[in-house]
Amino acid sequence: MSTATERNPIRNRGLKMIPYGSRDEWLKIRRGYIGGSDAGAIIGLNPYNSAFSVWAEKTGQVPEFEGNISTRTGTLLEDLVARLFMEETGKKVQRLNFTLVNPDYPWACANIDREIIGEDAILECKTTNSFVNVKKFRTGEYPEMWYAQMTHYLAVTGAKKAYLAVLSECRDFRVFELERDEEEIKALMDAEREFWNTYVLPKKTPPVDGHSATGEAIKKMFDIDDGSTADLSGLEHVFDQRKSLIAHQKAVKSQIDELDNSIKLAMKNDSEGSCGGFRVSWKVQTTSGIDREAIKRDYPEIDFSKYATQSRVFRVTEKKVKAT
């Protein structure tokens, strides 16, 4: 007869197990740690999140991400994915409704989807409709941010293996395996430790980057226009570099437009074209967008101001220097 340790090696490893009774409680706990979904962002492997936005959430600068329709769907389908995994592999899994913390990595936590009964392994359940992800699956790959997430979970739980079960487009199911790699775990945990101790604990602003999530975080942090004027002295090099890059961007765009025009001239009235591995589509499309100016002309009596939305618009202009 197997012992409890053999059946449940993870929960018998001496980890701190923090219970929670609601999603709000879970979010509050999670804010105090780096979670698995944060790992990829911290090392630059998450296309949806950045190290800066993680810092802004952990330090209370912006609200914690509470999910969207995609994450809600994933949560609802988690049971189905776990069941498909059991049918596919013959393994048995069970929930572990605790936030796990390993004393070796006190800044990190793990909320694993399932633990494998009788095996020192965890299961991560995913659903996706992303075309990019589907293409990766067909070549035996999966997103790097999921790799970082599972490596994070292996570090915290101490498990020897992680299984990744993925249901894509509700018609393709695949299982991947990730063996514990101590060098990869050390590299990730070192990066997380530095991020936590350097930026999160002292609430020191980390370097910004061009990630869209960083821009969204900054916009949320400073969403009020108080009418004052900022002294940006000392940022001359930033503006000079920005001006140079915009000039280069315009030059490149002009070159691309020139090439596109040569292709259009060659196509004439054709809807599609091909050249080696390239395919071109140049078709007439009707959009469902609203012509606001036309509506104003036809219905001048309507007050459109009450339908207007407000947002802070960022624009940089260069002062014209008068010749002397």
C-alpha atoms as a PDB file:
ATOM      1  CA  MET A   1       0.000   0.000   0.000  1.00  0.00           C
ATOM      2  CA  SER A   2       1.356   3.420  -0.962  1.00  0.00           C
ATOM      3  CA  THR A   3       1.966   6.024   1.723  1.00  0.00           C
ATOM      4  CA  ALA A   4       0.471   9.525   1.796  1.00  0.00           C
ATOM      5  CA  THR A   5       3.868  10.945   0.809  1.00  0.00           C
ATOM      6  CA  GLU A   6       3.992   8.700  -2.246  1.00  0.00           C
ATOM      7  CA  ARG A   7       0.441   9.609  -3.239  1.00  0.00           C
ATOM      8  CA  ASN A   8       0.849  13.356  -2.638  1.00  0.00           C
ATOM      9  CA  PRO A   9       4.564  14.223  -2.697  1.00  0.00           C
ATOM     10  CA  ILE A  10       3.979  17.937  -3.286  1.00  0.00           C
ATOM     11  CA  ARG A  11       1.688  18.627  -0.336  1.00  0.00           C
ATOM     12  CA  ASN A  12       3.974  16.560   1.897  1.00  0.00           C
ATOM     13  CA  ARG A  13       7.112  18.517   1.051  1.00  0.00           C
ATOM     14  CA  GLY A  14       6.751  21.049   3.879  1.00  0.00           C
ATOM     15  CA  LEU A  15       5.614  23.950   1.733  1.00  0.00           C
ATOM     16  CA  LYS A  16       3.620  26.808   3.203  1.00  0.00           C
ATOM     17  CA  MET A  17       0.007  26.240   2.108  1.00  0.00           C
ATOM     18  CA  ILE A  18      -2.150  29.370   2.224  1.00  0.00           C
ATOM     19  CA  PRO A  19      -5.920  28.740   2.011  1.00  0.00           C
ATOM     20  CA  TYR A  20      -8.346  31.127   0.329  1.00  0.00           C
ATOM     21  CA  GLY A  21     -12.120  31.141   0.173  1.00  0.00           C
ATOM     22  CA  SER A  22     -12.832  33.557  -2.652  1.00  0.00           C
ATOM     23  CA  ARG A  23     -11.262  35.096  -5.737  1.00  0.00           C
ATOM     24  CA  ASP A  24     -10.782  38.387  -3.886  1.00  0.00           C
ATOM     25  CA  GLU A  25      -8.837  36.588  -1.162  1.00  0.00           C
ATOM     26  CA  TRP A  26      -6.745  34.843  -3.804  1.00  0.00           C
ATOM     27  CA  LEU A  27      -5.964  38.145  -5.547  1.00  0.00           C
ATOM     28  CA  LYS A  28      -4.926  39.709  -2.235  1.00  0.00           C
ATOM     29  CA  ILE A  29      -2.559  36.807  -1.519  1.00  0.00           C
ATOM     30  CA  ARG A  30      -1.191  36.841  -5.047  1.00  0.00           C
ATOM     31  CA  ARG A  31      -0.299  40.545  -4.864  1.00  0.00           C
ATOM     32  CA  GLY A  32       2.254  39.708  -2.175  1.00  0.00           C
ATOM     33  CA  TYR A  33       4.192  37.284  -4.373  1.00  0.00           C
ATOM     34  CA  ILE A  34       5.455  36.649  -7.878  1.00  0.00           C
ATOM     35  CA  GLY A  35       3.086  34.109  -9.422  1.00  0.00           C
ATOM     36  CA  GLY A  36       3.584  31.715 -12.293  1.00  0.00           C
ATOM     37  CA  SER A  37       1.838  33.959 -14.798  1.00  0.00           C
ATOM     38  CA  ASP A  38       4.187  36.818 -13.796  1.00  0.00           C
ATOM     39  CA  ALA A  39       7.355  34.843 -14.471  1.00  0.00           C
ATOM     40  CA  GLY A  40       7.372  35.190 -18.257  1.00  0.00           C
ATOM     41  CA  ALA A  41       6.718  38.937 -18.051  1.00  0.00           C
ATOM     42  CA  ILE A  42       9.649  39.512 -15.716  1.00  0.00           C
ATOM     43  CA  ILE A  43      12.114  37.900 -18.137  1.00  0.00           C
ATOM     44  CA  GLY A  44      10.519  39.372 -21.267  1.00  0.00           C
ATOM     45  CA  LEU A  45       8.717  36.300 -22.582  1.00  0.00           C
ATOM     46  CA  ASN A  46       5.090  37.421 -22.198  1.00  0.00           C
ATOM     47  CA  PRO A  47       3.494  39.242 -25.175  1.00  0.00           C
ATOM     48  CA  TYR A  48       0.603  40.409 -22.977  1.00  0.00           C
ATOM     49  CA  ASN A  49       2.431  41.649 -19.897  1.00  0.00           C
ATOM     50  CA  SER A  50       5.715  43.337 -18.998  1.00  0.00           C
ATOM     51  CA  ALA A  51       8.042  43.551 -16.009  1.00  0.00           C
ATOM     52  CA  PHE A  52       6.969  47.172 -15.507  1.00  0.00           C
ATOM     53  CA  SER A  53       3.255  46.292 -15.436  1.00  0.00           C
ATOM     54  CA  VAL A  54       3.941  43.447 -12.970  1.00  0.00           C
ATOM     55  CA  TRP A  55       5.799  45.924 -10.741  1.00  0.00           C
ATOM     56  CA  ALA A  56       2.910  48.407 -10.987  1.00  0.00           C
ATOM     57  CA  GLU A  57       0.449  45.705  -9.867  1.00  0.00           C
ATOM     58  CA  LYS A  58       2.578  44.338  -7.021  1.00  0.00           C
ATOM     59  CA  THR A  59       3.256  47.795  -5.587  1.00  0.00           C
ATOM     60  CA  GLY A  60      -0.392  48.856  -5.793  1.00  0.00           C
ATOM     61  CA  GLN A  61       0.183  51.473  -8.507  1.00  0.00           C
ATOM     62  CA  VAL A  62      -2.560  49.901 -10.648  1.00  0.00           C
ATOM     63  CA  PRO A  63      -5.345  47.388  -9.874  1.00  0.00           C
ATOM     64  CA  GLU A  64      -4.495  43.696 -10.088  1.00  0.00           C
ATOM     65  CA  PHE A  65      -5.586  42.125 -13.375  1.00  0.00           C
ATOM     66  CA  GLU A  66      -8.951  40.524 -12.615  1.00  0.00           C
ATOM     67  CA  GLY A  67      -9.346  38.604 -15.849  1.00  0.00           C
ATOM     68  CA  ASN A  68     -11.326  38.920 -19.052  1.00  0.00           C
ATOM     69  CA  ILE A  69     -13.551  36.714 -21.186  1.00  0.00           C
ATOM     70  CA  SER A  70     -10.529  34.718 -22.318  1.00  0.00           C
ATOM     71  CA  THR A  71      -9.356  33.933 -18.785  1.00  0.00           C
ATOM     72  CA  ARG A  72     -12.933  33.244 -17.661  1.00  0.00           C
ATOM     73  CA  THR A  73     -13.388  30.762 -20.491  1.00  0.00           C
ATOM     74  CA  GLY A  74     -10.095  29.107 -19.594  1.00  0.00           C
ATOM     75  CA  THR A  75     -11.183  28.722 -15.980  1.00  0.00           C
ATOM     76  CA  LEU A  76     -14.555  27.243 -16.962  1.00  0.00           C
ATOM     77  CA  LEU A  77     -12.872  24.766 -19.327  1.00  0.00           C
ATOM     78  CA  GLU A  78     -10.155  23.767 -16.858  1.00  0.00           C
ATOM     79  CA  ASP A  79     -12.128  20.753 -15.609  1.00  0.00           C
ATOM     80  CA  LEU A  80     -12.661  19.583 -19.181  1.00  0.00           C
ATOM     81  CA  VAL A  81      -8.958  19.869 -20.001  1.00  0.00           C
ATOM     82  CA  ALA A  82      -8.024  17.963 -16.837  1.00  0.00           C
ATOM     83  CA  ARG A  83     -10.529  15.216 -17.731  1.00  0.00           C
ATOM     84  CA  LEU A  84      -9.152  14.991 -21.274  1.00  0.00           C
ATOM     85  CA  PHE A  85      -5.650  14.695 -19.817  1.00  0.00           C
ATOM     86  CA  MET A  86      -6.712  11.777 -17.610  1.00  0.00           C
ATOM     87  CA  GLU A  87      -8.381  10.028 -20.552  1.00  0.00           C
ATOM     88  CA  GLU A  88      -5.359  10.614 -22.778  1.00  0.00           C
ATOM     89  CA  THR A  89      -2.682   9.520 -20.287  1.00  0.00           C
ATOM     90  CA  GLY A  90      -4.451   7.214 -17.843  1.00  0.00           C
ATOM     91  CA  LYS A  91      -3.120   9.309 -14.970  1.00  0.00           C
ATOM     92  CA  LYS A  92      -5.228  10.563 -12.069  1.00  0.00           C
ATOM     93  CA  VAL A  93      -5.215  14.187 -10.951  1.00  0.00           C
ATOM     94  CA  GLN A  94      -6.711  16.217  -8.136  1.00  0.00           C
ATOM     95  CA  ARG A  95      -7.079  19.838  -7.138  1.00  0.00           C
ATOM     96  CA  LEU A  96      -4.826  21.513  -4.613  1.00  0.00           C
ATOM     97  CA  ASN A  97      -6.813  24.548  -3.461  1.00  0.00           C
ATOM     98  CA  PHE A  98      -3.990  26.383  -1.749  1.00  0.00           C
ATOM     99  CA  THR A  99      -1.447  28.998  -2.668  1.00  0.00           C
ATOM    100  CA  LEU A 100       1.932  27.326  -2.238  1.00  0.00           C
ATOM    101  CA  VAL A 101       5.066  29.102  -1.005  1.00  0.00           C
ATOM    102  CA  ASN A 102       8.525  27.542  -0.843  1.00  0.00           C
ATOM    103  CA  PRO A 103      10.813  28.893   1.941  1.00  0.00           C
ATOM    104  CA  ASP A 104      13.732  28.744  -0.507  1.00  0.00           C
ATOM    105  CA  TYR A 105      11.922  31.328  -2.665  1.00  0.00           C
ATOM    106  CA  PRO A 106       9.870  33.419  -0.201  1.00  0.00           C
ATOM    107  CA  TRP A 107       8.880  35.969  -2.867  1.00  0.00           C
ATOM    108  CA  ALA A 108       7.321  33.325  -5.156  1.00  0.00           C
ATOM    109  CA  CYS A 109       4.006  31.503  -4.996  1.00  0.00           C
ATOM    110  CA  ALA A 110       2.305  28.809  -7.039  1.00  0.00           C
ATOM    111  CA  ASN A 111      -1.340  28.051  -7.724  1.00  0.00           C
ATOM    112  CA  ILE A 112      -1.134  24.861  -9.730  1.00  0.00           C
ATOM    113  CA  ASP A 113      -4.147  23.596 -11.670  1.00  0.00           C
ATOM    114  CA  ARG A 114      -3.782  19.966 -10.591  1.00  0.00           C
ATOM    115  CA  GLU A 115      -1.334  17.600  -8.901  1.00  0.00           C
ATOM    116  CA  ILE A 116      -0.745  14.138 -10.330  1.00  0.00           C
ATOM    117  CA  ILE A 117      -1.756  11.428  -7.848  1.00  0.00           C
ATOM    118  CA  GLY A 118       1.096   9.020  -7.114  1.00  0.00           C
ATOM    119  CA  GLU A 119       3.631  10.995  -9.159  1.00  0.00           C
ATOM    120  CA  ASP A 120       5.877  13.904  -8.227  1.00  0.00           C
ATOM    121  CA  ALA A 121       4.403  16.038 -10.988  1.00  0.00           C
ATOM    122  CA  ILE A 122       1.987  18.886 -11.674  1.00  0.00           C
ATOM    123  CA  LEU A 123      -0.510  19.595 -14.433  1.00  0.00           C
ATOM    124  CA  GLU A 124      -1.099  22.945 -16.092  1.00  0.00           C
ATOM    125  CA  CYS A 125      -4.326  23.229 -18.118  1.00  0.00           C
ATOM    126  CA  LYS A 126      -4.586  25.671 -21.019  1.00  0.00           C
ATOM    127  CA  THR A 127      -7.096  26.616 -23.711  1.00  0.00           C
ATOM    128  CA  THR A 128      -6.343  28.791 -26.710  1.00  0.00           C
ATOM    129  CA  ASN A 129      -7.723  29.992 -30.009  1.00  0.00           C
ATOM    130  CA  SER A 130      -4.557  31.879 -30.951  1.00  0.00           C
ATOM    131  CA  PHE A 131      -3.442  31.160 -34.515  1.00  0.00           C
ATOM    132  CA  VAL A 132       0.186  31.620 -33.446  1.00  0.00           C
ATOM    133  CA  ASN A 133      -0.176  29.081 -30.652  1.00  0.00           C
ATOM    134  CA  VAL A 134      -1.918  26.569 -32.909  1.00  0.00           C
ATOM    135  CA  LYS A 135       0.984  26.807 -35.387  1.00  0.00           C
ATOM    136  CA  LYS A 136       3.454  26.166 -32.554  1.00  0.00           C
ATOM    137  CA  PHE A 137       1.556  23.082 -31.383  1.00  0.00           C
ATOM    138  CA  ARG A 138       1.759  21.549 -34.843  1.00  0.00           C
ATOM    139  CA  THR A 139       5.558  21.640 -34.640  1.00  0.00           C
ATOM    140  CA  GLY A 140       5.670  20.272 -31.081  1.00  0.00           C
ATOM    141  CA  GLU A 141       6.229  23.690 -29.471  1.00  0.00           C
ATOM    142  CA  TYR A 142       4.279  25.885 -27.081  1.00  0.00           C
ATOM    143  CA  PRO A 143       4.506  29.558 -25.969  1.00  0.00           C
ATOM    144  CA  GLU A 144       7.610  30.591 -24.045  1.00  0.00           C
ATOM    145  CA  MET A 145       5.524  32.276 -21.347  1.00  0.00           C
ATOM    146  CA  TRP A 146       3.977  28.882 -20.526  1.00  0.00           C
ATOM    147  CA  TYR A 147       7.470  27.387 -20.283  1.00  0.00           C
ATOM    148  CA  ALA A 148       8.423  30.121 -17.807  1.00  0.00           C
ATOM    149  CA  GLN A 149       5.217  29.528 -15.839  1.00  0.00           C
ATOM    150  CA  MET A 150       5.811  25.784 -15.517  1.00  0.00           C
ATOM    151  CA  THR A 151       9.478  26.307 -14.601  1.00  0.00           C
ATOM    152  CA  HIS A 152       8.298  28.682 -11.874  1.00  0.00           C
ATOM    153  CA  TYR A 153       5.863  26.067 -10.571  1.00  0.00           C
ATOM    154  CA  LEU A 154       8.543  23.360 -10.598  1.00  0.00           C
ATOM    155  CA  ALA A 155      10.764  25.664  -8.532  1.00  0.00           C
ATOM    156  CA  VAL A 156       8.094  26.415  -5.926  1.00  0.00           C
ATOM    157  CA  THR A 157       6.584  22.926  -5.661  1.00  0.00           C
ATOM    158  CA  GLY A 158       9.845  21.008  -5.926  1.00  0.00           C
ATOM    159  CA  ALA A 159       8.134  18.616  -8.374  1.00  0.00           C
ATOM    160  CA  LYS A 160      10.209  16.583 -10.818  1.00  0.00           C
ATOM    161  CA  LYS A 161       7.969  17.065 -13.856  1.00  0.00           C
ATOM    162  CA  ALA A 162       5.269  19.313 -15.263  1.00  0.00           C
ATOM    163  CA  TYR A 163       2.608  18.282 -17.753  1.00  0.00           C
ATOM    164  CA  LEU A 164       0.993  20.848 -20.014  1.00  0.00           C
ATOM    165  CA  ALA A 165      -2.434  19.931 -21.393  1.00  0.00           C
ATOM    166  CA  VAL A 166      -3.691  22.235 -24.131  1.00  0.00           C
ATOM    167  CA  LEU A 167      -7.091  22.353 -25.822  1.00  0.00           C
ATOM    168  CA  SER A 168      -6.859  24.565 -28.913  1.00  0.00           C
ATOM    169  CA  GLU A 169      -9.880  25.777 -30.863  1.00  0.00           C
ATOM    170  CA  CYS A 170     -11.969  23.186 -28.977  1.00  0.00           C
ATOM    171  CA  ARG A 171     -10.899  20.554 -31.519  1.00  0.00           C
ATOM    172  CA  ASP A 172      -7.232  19.763 -30.973  1.00  0.00           C
ATOM    173  CA  PHE A 173      -5.861  18.376 -27.712  1.00  0.00           C
ATOM    174  CA  ARG A 174      -2.165  17.951 -26.953  1.00  0.00           C
ATOM    175  CA  VAL A 175      -0.049  17.013 -23.939  1.00  0.00           C
ATOM    176  CA  PHE A 176       3.513  18.234 -23.404  1.00  0.00           C
ATOM    177  CA  GLU A 177       6.012  17.214 -20.732  1.00  0.00           C
ATOM    178  CA  LEU A 178       8.669  19.342 -19.051  1.00  0.00           C
ATOM    179  CA  GLU A 179      11.326  17.688 -16.904  1.00  0.00           C
ATOM    180  CA  ARG A 180      12.800  19.574 -13.978  1.00  0.00           C
ATOM    181  CA  ASP A 181      15.935  21.465 -15.033  1.00  0.00           C
ATOM    182  CA  GLU A 182      17.910  22.881 -12.113  1.00  0.00           C
ATOM    183  CA  GLU A 183      19.917  25.314 -14.276  1.00  0.00           C
ATOM    184  CA  GLU A 184      16.757  26.766 -15.811  1.00  0.00           C
ATOM    185  CA  ILE A 185      15.109  27.010 -12.389  1.00  0.00           C
ATOM    186  CA  LYS A 186      18.138  28.792 -10.925  1.00  0.00           C
ATOM    187  CA  ALA A 187      18.245  31.287 -13.817  1.00  0.00           C
ATOM    188  CA  LEU A 188      14.541  32.107 -13.475  1.00  0.00           C
ATOM    189  CA  MET A 189      14.582  32.327  -9.684  1.00  0.00           C
ATOM    190  CA  ASP A 190      17.677  34.555  -9.759  1.00  0.00           C
ATOM    191  CA  ALA A 191      15.883  36.918 -12.161  1.00  0.00           C
ATOM    192  CA  GLU A 192      12.756  36.931  -9.999  1.00  0.00           C
ATOM    193  CA  ARG A 193      14.747  37.523  -6.803  1.00  0.00           C
ATOM    194  CA  GLU A 194      16.573  40.478  -8.337  1.00  0.00           C
ATOM    195  CA  PHE A 195      13.334  41.962  -9.656  1.00  0.00           C
ATOM    196  CA  TRP A 196      11.575  41.565  -6.302  1.00  0.00           C
ATOM    197  CA  ASN A 197      14.405  42.885  -4.131  1.00  0.00           C
ATOM    198  CA  THR A 198      15.499  45.671  -6.478  1.00  0.00           C
ATOM    199  CA  TYR A 199      12.148  47.076  -7.557  1.00  0.00           C
ATOM    200  CA  VAL A 200       9.101  45.641  -5.764  1.00  0.00           C
ATOM    201  CA  LEU A 201      10.153  45.737  -2.108  1.00  0.00           C
ATOM    202  CA  PRO A 202      11.633  49.280  -2.215  1.00  0.00           C
ATOM    203  CA  LYS A 203       8.942  50.391  -4.703  1.00  0.00           C
ATOM    204  CA  LYS A 204      11.670  51.613  -7.021  1.00  0.00           C
ATOM    205  CA  THR A 205      10.463  52.293 -10.564  1.00  0.00           C
ATOM    206  CA  PRO A 206      12.002  49.761 -12.973  1.00  0.00           C
ATOM    207  CA  PRO A 207      13.283  50.719 -16.432  1.00  0.00           C
ATOM    208  CA  VAL A 208      10.523  51.321 -18.959  1.00  0.00           C
ATOM    209  CA  ASP A 209      10.312  49.473 -22.249  1.00  0.00           C
ATOM    210  CA  GLY A 210       8.234  49.654 -25.406  1.00  0.00           C
ATOM    211  CA  HIS A 211       5.791  46.919 -24.368  1.00  0.00           C
ATOM    212  CA  SER A 212       2.134  47.887 -24.805  1.00  0.00           C
ATOM    213  CA  ALA A 213       1.440  46.625 -21.262  1.00  0.00           C
ATOM    214  CA  THR A 214       3.961  49.138 -19.918  1.00  0.00           C
ATOM    215  CA  GLY A 215       2.165  51.938 -21.733  1.00  0.00           C
ATOM    216  CA  GLU A 216      -1.184  50.785 -20.338  1.00  0.00           C
ATOM    217  CA  ALA A 217       0.225  50.629 -16.805  1.00  0.00           C
ATOM    218  CA  ILE A 218       1.636  54.161 -17.031  1.00  0.00           C
ATOM    219  CA  LYS A 219      -1.680  55.417 -18.421  1.00  0.00           C
ATOM    220  CA  LYS A 220      -3.537  53.883 -15.469  1.00  0.00           C
ATOM    221  CA  MET A 221      -1.028  55.258 -12.970  1.00  0.00           C
ATOM    222  CA  PHE A 222      -1.419  58.810 -14.248  1.00  0.00           C
ATOM    223  CA  ASP A 223      -4.915  59.048 -15.693  1.00  0.00           C
ATOM    224  CA  ILE A 224      -5.591  62.594 -14.447  1.00  0.00           C
ATOM    225  CA  ASP A 225      -4.605  65.746 -16.305  1.00  0.00           C
ATOM    226  CA  ASP A 226      -4.225  68.406 -13.606  1.00  0.00           C
ATOM    227  CA  GLY A 227      -3.461  71.259 -16.002  1.00  0.00           C
ATOM    228  CA  SER A 228       0.074  71.912 -14.765  1.00  0.00           C
ATOM    229  CA  THR A 229       3.282  72.074 -16.816  1.00  0.00           C
ATOM    230  CA  ALA A 230       6.185  69.677 -16.249  1.00  0.00           C
ATOM    231  CA  ASP A 231       9.834  70.721 -16.418  1.00  0.00           C
ATOM    232  CA  LEU A 232      11.451  67.984 -18.523  1.00  0.00           C
ATOM    233  CA  SER A 233      14.967  69.390 -18.330  1.00  0.00           C
ATOM    234  CA  GLY A 234      17.502  66.596 -18.438  1.00  0.00           C
ATOM    235  CA  LEU A 235      15.560  64.595 -21.015  1.00  0.00           C
ATOM    236  CA  GLU A 236      17.080  66.349 -24.021  1.00  0.00           C
ATOM    237  CA  HIS A 237      18.838  63.151 -25.087  1.00  0.00           C
ATOM    238  CA  VAL A 238      15.489  61.324 -25.019  1.00  0.00           C
ATOM    239  CA  PHE A 239      13.848  63.852 -27.302  1.00  0.00           C
ATOM    240  CA  ASP A 240      16.858  63.918 -29.646  1.00  0.00           C
ATOM    241  CA  GLN A 241      16.849  60.121 -29.921  1.00  0.00           C
ATOM    242  CA  ARG A 242      13.097  60.111 -30.453  1.00  0.00           C
ATOM    243  CA  LYS A 243      13.428  62.685 -33.248  1.00  0.00           C
ATOM    244  CA  SER A 244      16.135  60.609 -34.933  1.00  0.00           C
ATOM    245  CA  LEU A 245      14.094  57.410 -34.738  1.00  0.00           C
ATOM    246  CA  ILE A 246      10.979  59.099 -36.149  1.00  0.00           C
ATOM    247  CA  ALA A 247      12.997  60.430 -39.074  1.00  0.00           C
ATOM    248  CA  HIS A 248      14.320  56.917 -39.713  1.00  0.00           C
ATOM    249  CA  GLN A 249      10.811  55.493 -39.359  1.00  0.00           C
ATOM    250  CA  LYS A 250       9.451  57.933 -41.924  1.00  0.00           C
ATOM    251  CA  ALA A 251      12.262  57.106 -44.344  1.00  0.00           C
ATOM    252  CA  VAL A 252      11.637  53.370 -43.999  1.00  0.00           C
ATOM    253  CA  LYS A 253       7.870  53.831 -44.399  1.00  0.00           C
ATOM    254  CA  SER A 254       8.440  55.869 -47.546  1.00  0.00           C
ATOM    255  CA  GLN A 255      10.606  53.097 -48.993  1.00  0.00           C
ATOM    256  CA  ILE A 256       7.985  50.460 -48.118  1.00  0.00           C
ATOM    257  CA  ASP A 257       5.232  52.605 -49.673  1.00  0.00           C
ATOM    258  CA  GLU A 258       7.328  52.913 -52.849  1.00  0.00           C
ATOM    259  CA  LEU A 259       7.683  49.137 -53.083  1.00  0.00           C
ATOM    260  CA  ASP A 260       3.976  48.639 -52.384  1.00  0.00           C
ATOM    261  CA  ASN A 261       3.065  51.105 -55.127  1.00  0.00           C
ATOM    262  CA  SER A 262       5.225  49.226 -57.630  1.00  0.00           C
ATOM    263  CA  ILE A 263       3.366  46.012 -56.717  1.00  0.00           C
ATOM    264  CA  LYS A 264      -0.031  47.728 -57.086  1.00  0.00           C
ATOM    265  CA  LEU A 265       0.971  49.116 -60.483  1.00  0.00           C
ATOM    266  CA  ALA A 266       1.936  45.633 -61.623  1.00  0.00           C
ATOM    267  CA  MET A 267      -1.364  44.161 -60.381  1.00  0.00           C
ATOM    268  CA  LYS A 268      -3.598  46.776 -62.052  1.00  0.00           C
ATOM    269  CA  ASN A 269      -7.200  45.544 -61.500  1.00  0.00           C
ATOM    270  CA  ASP A 270      -6.287  42.072 -60.257  1.00  0.00           C
ATOM    271  CA  SER A 271      -7.603  41.106 -56.824  1.00  0.00           C
ATOM    272  CA  GLU A 272      -4.767  38.769 -55.894  1.00  0.00           C
ATOM    273  CA  GLY A 273      -1.210  38.066 -56.894  1.00  0.00           C
ATOM    274  CA  SER A 274       1.686  35.746 -56.116  1.00  0.00           C
ATOM    275  CA  CYS A 275       5.467  35.759 -56.357  1.00  0.00           C
ATOM    276  CA  GLY A 276       7.425  32.793 -55.044  1.00  0.00           C
ATOM    277  CA  GLY A 277       6.390  32.375 -51.424  1.00  0.00           C
ATOM    278  CA  PHE A 278       4.603  35.723 -51.289  1.00  0.00           C
ATOM    279  CA  ARG A 279       0.877  36.240 -51.712  1.00  0.00           C
ATOM    280  CA  VAL A 280      -0.815  39.590 -52.274  1.00  0.00           C
ATOM    281  CA  SER A 281      -4.453  40.554 -51.780  1.00  0.00           C
ATOM    282  CA  TRP A 282      -5.785  43.891 -53.056  1.00  0.00           C
ATOM    283  CA  LYS A 283      -9.555  43.742 -52.788  1.00  0.00           C
ATOM    284  CA  VAL A 284     -12.319  46.272 -52.304  1.00  0.00           C
ATOM    285  CA  GLN A 285     -13.733  46.074 -48.781  1.00  0.00           C
ATOM    286  CA  THR A 286     -16.762  47.688 -47.197  1.00  0.00           C
ATOM    287  CA  THR A 287     -16.366  48.658 -43.566  1.00  0.00           C
ATOM    288  CA  SER A 288     -19.105  49.008 -40.958  1.00  0.00           C
ATOM    289  CA  GLY A 289     -17.506  52.071 -39.406  1.00  0.00           C
ATOM    290  CA  ILE A 290     -19.554  55.247 -38.932  1.00  0.00           C
ATOM    291  CA  ASP A 291     -18.764  58.417 -40.886  1.00  0.00           C
ATOM    292  CA  ARG A 292     -19.147  60.898 -38.024  1.00  0.00           C
ATOM    293  CA  GLU A 293     -18.726  63.962 -40.215  1.00  0.00           C
ATOM    294  CA  ALA A 294     -21.458  62.802 -42.599  1.00  0.00           C
ATOM    295  CA  ILE A 295     -23.849  62.246 -39.676  1.00  0.00           C
ATOM    296  CA  LYS A 296     -23.125  65.737 -38.352  1.00  0.00           C
ATOM    297  CA  ARG A 297     -23.928  67.215 -41.772  1.00  0.00           C
ATOM    298  CA  ASP A 298     -27.160  65.267 -42.134  1.00  0.00           C
ATOM    299  CA  TYR A 299     -28.308  65.651 -38.512  1.00  0.00           C
ATOM    300  CA  PRO A 300     -26.878  68.970 -37.223  1.00  0.00           C
ATOM    301  CA  GLU A 301     -29.501  69.149 -34.480  1.00  0.00           C
ATOM    302  CA  ILE A 302     -28.034  66.163 -32.606  1.00  0.00           C
ATOM    303  CA  ASP A 303     -25.681  66.982 -29.737  1.00  0.00           C
ATOM    304  CA  PHE A 304     -22.815  64.487 -30.074  1.00  0.00           C
ATOM    305  CA  SER A 305     -20.857  65.847 -27.103  1.00  0.00           C
ATOM    306  CA  LYS A 306     -22.643  63.545 -24.643  1.00  0.00           C
ATOM    307  CA  TYR A 307     -21.366  60.523 -26.580  1.00  0.00           C
ATOM    308  CA  ALA A 308     -17.754  61.664 -26.483  1.00  0.00           C
ATOM    309  CA  THR A 309     -15.115  59.688 -24.584  1.00  0.00           C
ATOM    310  CA  GLN A 310     -12.118  61.163 -22.807  1.00  0.00           C
ATOM    311  CA  SER A 311      -8.531  59.945 -22.673  1.00  0.00           C
ATOM    312  CA  ARG A 312      -5.097  61.458 -22.201  1.00  0.00           C
ATOM    313  CA  VAL A 313      -3.512  61.888 -25.639  1.00  0.00           C
ATOM    314  CA  PHE A 314       0.307  61.853 -25.744  1.00  0.00           C
ATOM    315  CA  ARG A 315       1.848  63.959 -28.518  1.00  0.00           C
ATOM    316  CA  VAL A 316       5.338  65.392 -28.977  1.00  0.00           C
ATOM    317  CA  THR A 317       5.953  68.397 -31.229  1.00  0.00           C
ATOM    318  CA  GLU A 318       9.155  70.254 -31.987  1.00  0.00           C
ATOM    319  CA  LYS A 319       9.412  73.988 -31.445  1.00  0.00           C
ATOM    320  CA  LYS A 320      10.184  75.960 -34.584  1.00  0.00           C
ATOM    321  CA  VAL A 321      13.386  77.954 -34.181  1.00  0.00           C
ATOM    322  CA  LYS A 322      13.308  81.297 -35.961  1.00  0.00           C
ATOM    323  CA  ALA A 323      16.255  82.032 -38.197  1.00  0.00           C
ATOM    324  CA  THR A 324      18.327  85.007 -37.141  1.00  0.00           C
END
